[in-house]
């Protein structure tokens, strides 16, 4: 067995993180988030409390939060799984 160089492990980790992000974008949970925002807006609300599935990878909430902020939403973490999203 051979120890791989750290640079190689970093490259592999980055490639797999990109796959992880893509899987989130294709998930039912992401579709649910989009639908929740649209439904709240259609009801005249500017806020949504969204709960990330507790069985998801712990990185999921952080990735969703960064996507939302990049798109101009305000995001406050309420607990380990819940976010308050504003627009």
N, C-alpha and C. Protein backbone atom coordinates (compact mmCIF):
# COMPACT_ATOMS: atom_id res chain seq x y z
N UNK A 1 0.85 -1.17 0.00
CA UNK A 1 0.00 0.00 0.00
C UNK A 1 0.89 1.24 0.00
N UNK A 2 0.45 2.25 -0.74
CA UNK A 2 1.26 3.46 -0.91
C UNK A 2 0.44 4.67 -0.46
N UNK A 3 1.06 5.55 0.28
CA UNK A 3 0.42 6.79 0.70
C UNK A 3 0.42 7.76 -0.48
N UNK A 4 -0.77 8.21 -0.85
CA UNK A 4 -0.90 9.14 -1.97
C UNK A 4 -0.50 10.54 -1.53
N UNK A 5 0.05 11.34 -2.44
CA UNK A 5 0.40 12.73 -2.11
C UNK A 5 -0.85 13.53 -1.74
N UNK A 6 -0.68 14.46 -0.85
CA UNK A 6 -1.80 15.30 -0.41
C UNK A 6 -2.44 16.03 -1.59
N UNK A 7 -1.64 16.47 -2.54
CA UNK A 7 -2.19 17.17 -3.71
C UNK A 7 -3.13 16.27 -4.50
N UNK A 8 -2.81 15.00 -4.58
CA UNK A 8 -3.68 14.05 -5.30
C UNK A 8 -4.98 13.84 -4.53
N UNK A 9 -4.89 13.73 -3.23
CA UNK A 9 -6.09 13.56 -2.40
C UNK A 9 -6.98 14.80 -2.47
N UNK A 10 -6.36 15.98 -2.51
CA UNK A 10 -7.13 17.23 -2.62
C UNK A 10 -7.86 17.28 -3.96
N UNK A 11 -7.21 16.83 -5.02
CA UNK A 11 -7.83 16.80 -6.34
C UNK A 11 -9.02 15.84 -6.35
N UNK A 12 -8.86 14.67 -5.78
CA UNK A 12 -9.94 13.69 -5.71
C UNK A 12 -11.09 14.23 -4.88
N UNK A 13 -10.77 14.86 -3.75
CA UNK A 13 -11.81 15.42 -2.89
C UNK A 13 -12.60 16.50 -3.62
N UNK A 14 -11.92 17.36 -4.36
CA UNK A 14 -12.59 18.43 -5.11
C UNK A 14 -13.50 17.86 -6.18
N UNK A 15 -13.03 16.85 -6.90
CA UNK A 15 -13.85 16.22 -7.94
C UNK A 15 -15.11 15.60 -7.32
N UNK A 16 -14.96 14.94 -6.20
CA UNK A 16 -16.10 14.31 -5.56
C UNK A 16 -17.03 15.32 -4.91
N UNK A 17 -16.50 16.45 -4.45
CA UNK A 17 -17.36 17.50 -3.90
C UNK A 17 -18.21 18.10 -5.01
N UNK A 18 -17.67 18.23 -6.21
CA UNK A 18 -18.45 18.73 -7.34
C UNK A 18 -19.59 17.76 -7.66
N UNK A 19 -19.33 16.46 -7.58
CA UNK A 19 -20.38 15.46 -7.79
C UNK A 19 -21.44 15.56 -6.70
N UNK A 20 -20.99 15.78 -5.46
CA UNK A 20 -21.91 15.95 -4.33
C UNK A 20 -22.83 17.14 -4.57
N UNK A 21 -22.27 18.28 -4.98
CA UNK A 21 -23.07 19.47 -5.23
C UNK A 21 -24.08 19.23 -6.35
N UNK A 22 -23.65 18.55 -7.39
CA UNK A 22 -24.56 18.26 -8.51
C UNK A 22 -25.70 17.36 -8.05
N UNK A 23 -25.40 16.40 -7.18
CA UNK A 23 -26.46 15.51 -6.69
C UNK A 23 -27.49 16.28 -5.87
N UNK A 24 -27.06 17.30 -5.15
CA UNK A 24 -28.00 18.13 -4.40
C UNK A 24 -28.90 18.91 -5.36
N UNK A 25 -28.31 19.48 -6.40
CA UNK A 25 -29.07 20.27 -7.37
C UNK A 25 -30.11 19.42 -8.10
N UNK A 26 -29.88 18.12 -8.17
CA UNK A 26 -30.80 17.21 -8.85
C UNK A 26 -31.74 16.50 -7.87
N UNK A 27 -31.68 16.85 -6.60
CA UNK A 27 -32.44 16.14 -5.58
C UNK A 27 -33.87 16.65 -5.41
N UNK A 28 -34.70 15.79 -4.84
CA UNK A 28 -36.07 16.18 -4.49
C UNK A 28 -36.06 17.28 -3.42
N UNK A 29 -35.08 17.23 -2.53
CA UNK A 29 -34.99 18.25 -1.49
C UNK A 29 -34.77 19.65 -2.06
N UNK A 30 -33.94 19.76 -3.09
CA UNK A 30 -33.70 21.06 -3.72
C UNK A 30 -34.95 21.53 -4.43
N UNK A 31 -35.63 20.60 -5.11
CA UNK A 31 -36.90 20.94 -5.77
C UNK A 31 -37.92 21.41 -4.73
N UNK A 32 -37.94 20.76 -3.58
CA UNK A 32 -38.85 21.16 -2.50
C UNK A 32 -38.53 22.56 -2.00
N UNK A 33 -37.25 22.89 -1.88
CA UNK A 33 -36.84 24.22 -1.45
C UNK A 33 -37.33 25.28 -2.44
N UNK A 34 -37.11 25.04 -3.73
CA UNK A 34 -37.54 25.99 -4.75
C UNK A 34 -39.06 26.17 -4.70
N UNK A 35 -39.76 25.04 -4.62
CA UNK A 35 -41.23 25.11 -4.56
C UNK A 35 -41.70 25.85 -3.31
N UNK A 36 -41.02 25.62 -2.19
CA UNK A 36 -41.39 26.30 -0.95
C UNK A 36 -41.23 27.80 -1.04
N UNK A 37 -40.14 28.25 -1.66
CA UNK A 37 -39.91 29.69 -1.84
C UNK A 37 -40.99 30.27 -2.75
N UNK A 38 -41.27 29.59 -3.86
CA UNK A 38 -42.27 30.09 -4.80
C UNK A 38 -43.67 30.13 -4.16
N UNK A 39 -44.02 29.10 -3.42
CA UNK A 39 -45.33 29.06 -2.76
C UNK A 39 -45.45 30.18 -1.73
N UNK A 40 -44.39 30.37 -0.94
CA UNK A 40 -44.42 31.44 0.06
C UNK A 40 -44.57 32.80 -0.61
N UNK A 41 -43.84 33.02 -1.68
CA UNK A 41 -43.93 34.30 -2.40
C UNK A 41 -45.33 34.50 -2.98
N UNK A 42 -45.89 33.42 -3.54
CA UNK A 42 -47.24 33.51 -4.11
C UNK A 42 -48.30 33.80 -3.05
N UNK A 43 -48.01 33.45 -1.80
CA UNK A 43 -48.92 33.72 -0.69
C UNK A 43 -48.67 35.09 -0.08
N UNK A 44 -47.72 35.85 -0.64
CA UNK A 44 -47.42 37.19 -0.15
C UNK A 44 -46.39 37.23 0.95
N UNK A 45 -45.72 36.13 1.21
CA UNK A 45 -44.71 36.08 2.26
C UNK A 45 -43.33 36.35 1.67
N UNK A 46 -42.46 36.90 2.49
CA UNK A 46 -41.07 37.14 2.10
C UNK A 46 -40.11 36.32 2.94
N UNK A 47 -40.65 35.28 3.60
CA UNK A 47 -39.85 34.44 4.49
C UNK A 47 -40.28 32.99 4.36
N UNK A 48 -39.31 32.09 4.44
CA UNK A 48 -39.58 30.66 4.47
C UNK A 48 -38.68 30.03 5.52
N UNK A 49 -39.26 29.20 6.35
CA UNK A 49 -38.46 28.36 7.25
C UNK A 49 -38.31 27.02 6.54
N UNK A 50 -37.09 26.65 6.22
CA UNK A 50 -36.83 25.41 5.48
C UNK A 50 -36.02 24.48 6.35
N UNK A 51 -36.47 23.23 6.43
CA UNK A 51 -35.76 22.21 7.20
C UNK A 51 -35.08 21.23 6.25
N UNK A 52 -33.77 21.14 6.34
CA UNK A 52 -33.01 20.18 5.56
C UNK A 52 -33.22 18.81 6.20
N UNK A 53 -33.41 17.82 5.37
CA UNK A 53 -33.60 16.45 5.85
C UNK A 53 -32.44 16.07 6.78
N UNK A 54 -32.74 15.68 8.02
CA UNK A 54 -31.68 15.34 8.97
C UNK A 54 -30.85 14.13 8.55
N UNK A 55 -31.33 13.35 7.60
CA UNK A 55 -30.58 12.19 7.13
C UNK A 55 -29.59 12.55 6.01
N UNK A 56 -29.66 13.79 5.53
CA UNK A 56 -28.75 14.24 4.48
C UNK A 56 -27.33 14.40 5.01
N UNK A 57 -26.41 14.42 4.09
CA UNK A 57 -25.02 14.72 4.40
C UNK A 57 -24.97 16.07 5.12
N UNK A 58 -24.20 16.17 6.19
CA UNK A 58 -24.13 17.43 6.95
C UNK A 58 -23.68 18.64 6.12
N UNK A 59 -23.01 18.42 5.01
CA UNK A 59 -22.56 19.52 4.15
C UNK A 59 -23.70 20.13 3.33
N UNK A 60 -24.83 19.43 3.26
CA UNK A 60 -25.94 19.87 2.42
C UNK A 60 -26.43 21.25 2.80
N UNK A 61 -26.66 21.49 4.07
CA UNK A 61 -27.19 22.78 4.51
C UNK A 61 -26.23 23.91 4.14
N UNK A 62 -24.95 23.71 4.35
CA UNK A 62 -23.97 24.74 4.01
C UNK A 62 -23.95 25.05 2.52
N UNK A 63 -24.06 24.02 1.70
CA UNK A 63 -24.08 24.23 0.26
C UNK A 63 -25.34 24.98 -0.16
N UNK A 64 -26.49 24.57 0.37
CA UNK A 64 -27.74 25.27 0.05
C UNK A 64 -27.68 26.72 0.49
N UNK A 65 -27.13 26.94 1.68
CA UNK A 65 -27.02 28.31 2.19
C UNK A 65 -26.17 29.16 1.24
N UNK A 66 -25.06 28.63 0.78
CA UNK A 66 -24.20 29.40 -0.13
C UNK A 66 -24.90 29.67 -1.45
N UNK A 67 -25.66 28.71 -1.98
CA UNK A 67 -26.42 28.93 -3.21
C UNK A 67 -27.44 30.05 -3.04
N UNK A 68 -28.16 30.00 -1.92
CA UNK A 68 -29.18 31.00 -1.66
C UNK A 68 -28.58 32.40 -1.53
N UNK A 69 -27.51 32.52 -0.79
CA UNK A 69 -26.85 33.82 -0.61
C UNK A 69 -26.35 34.34 -1.95
N UNK A 70 -25.77 33.47 -2.75
CA UNK A 70 -25.28 33.86 -4.07
C UNK A 70 -26.41 34.38 -4.96
N UNK A 71 -27.62 33.83 -4.75
CA UNK A 71 -28.78 34.24 -5.54
C UNK A 71 -29.48 35.47 -4.94
N UNK A 72 -28.95 36.02 -3.84
CA UNK A 72 -29.49 37.24 -3.27
C UNK A 72 -30.44 37.06 -2.10
N UNK A 73 -30.62 35.85 -1.62
CA UNK A 73 -31.49 35.61 -0.47
C UNK A 73 -30.72 35.84 0.83
N UNK A 74 -31.46 36.20 1.86
CA UNK A 74 -30.89 36.26 3.20
C UNK A 74 -31.11 34.90 3.86
N UNK A 75 -30.13 34.42 4.57
CA UNK A 75 -30.25 33.10 5.20
C UNK A 75 -29.72 33.18 6.63
N UNK A 76 -30.54 32.73 7.56
CA UNK A 76 -30.13 32.63 8.96
C UNK A 76 -30.29 31.17 9.38
N UNK A 77 -29.25 30.60 9.93
CA UNK A 77 -29.34 29.23 10.45
C UNK A 77 -30.07 29.28 11.79
N UNK A 78 -31.13 28.49 11.90
CA UNK A 78 -31.90 28.45 13.14
C UNK A 78 -31.43 27.32 14.06
N UNK A 79 -31.06 26.23 13.47
CA UNK A 79 -30.48 25.11 14.22
C UNK A 79 -29.71 24.25 13.23
N UNK A 80 -29.41 23.04 13.62
CA UNK A 80 -28.57 22.17 12.79
C UNK A 80 -29.19 21.89 11.42
N UNK A 81 -30.51 21.92 11.34
CA UNK A 81 -31.19 21.55 10.09
C UNK A 81 -32.07 22.64 9.49
N UNK A 82 -32.44 23.64 10.28
CA UNK A 82 -33.41 24.65 9.83
C UNK A 82 -32.74 25.96 9.44
N UNK A 83 -33.30 26.58 8.39
CA UNK A 83 -32.84 27.87 7.91
C UNK A 83 -34.04 28.79 7.73
N UNK A 84 -33.85 30.05 8.05
CA UNK A 84 -34.84 31.07 7.71
C UNK A 84 -34.32 31.76 6.46
N UNK A 85 -35.13 31.72 5.41
CA UNK A 85 -34.75 32.29 4.12
C UNK A 85 -35.64 33.51 3.87
N UNK A 86 -35.03 34.63 3.52
CA UNK A 86 -35.78 35.85 3.26
C UNK A 86 -35.41 36.40 1.89
N UNK A 87 -36.36 37.16 1.33
CA UNK A 87 -36.14 37.82 0.04
C UNK A 87 -36.86 39.14 -0.01
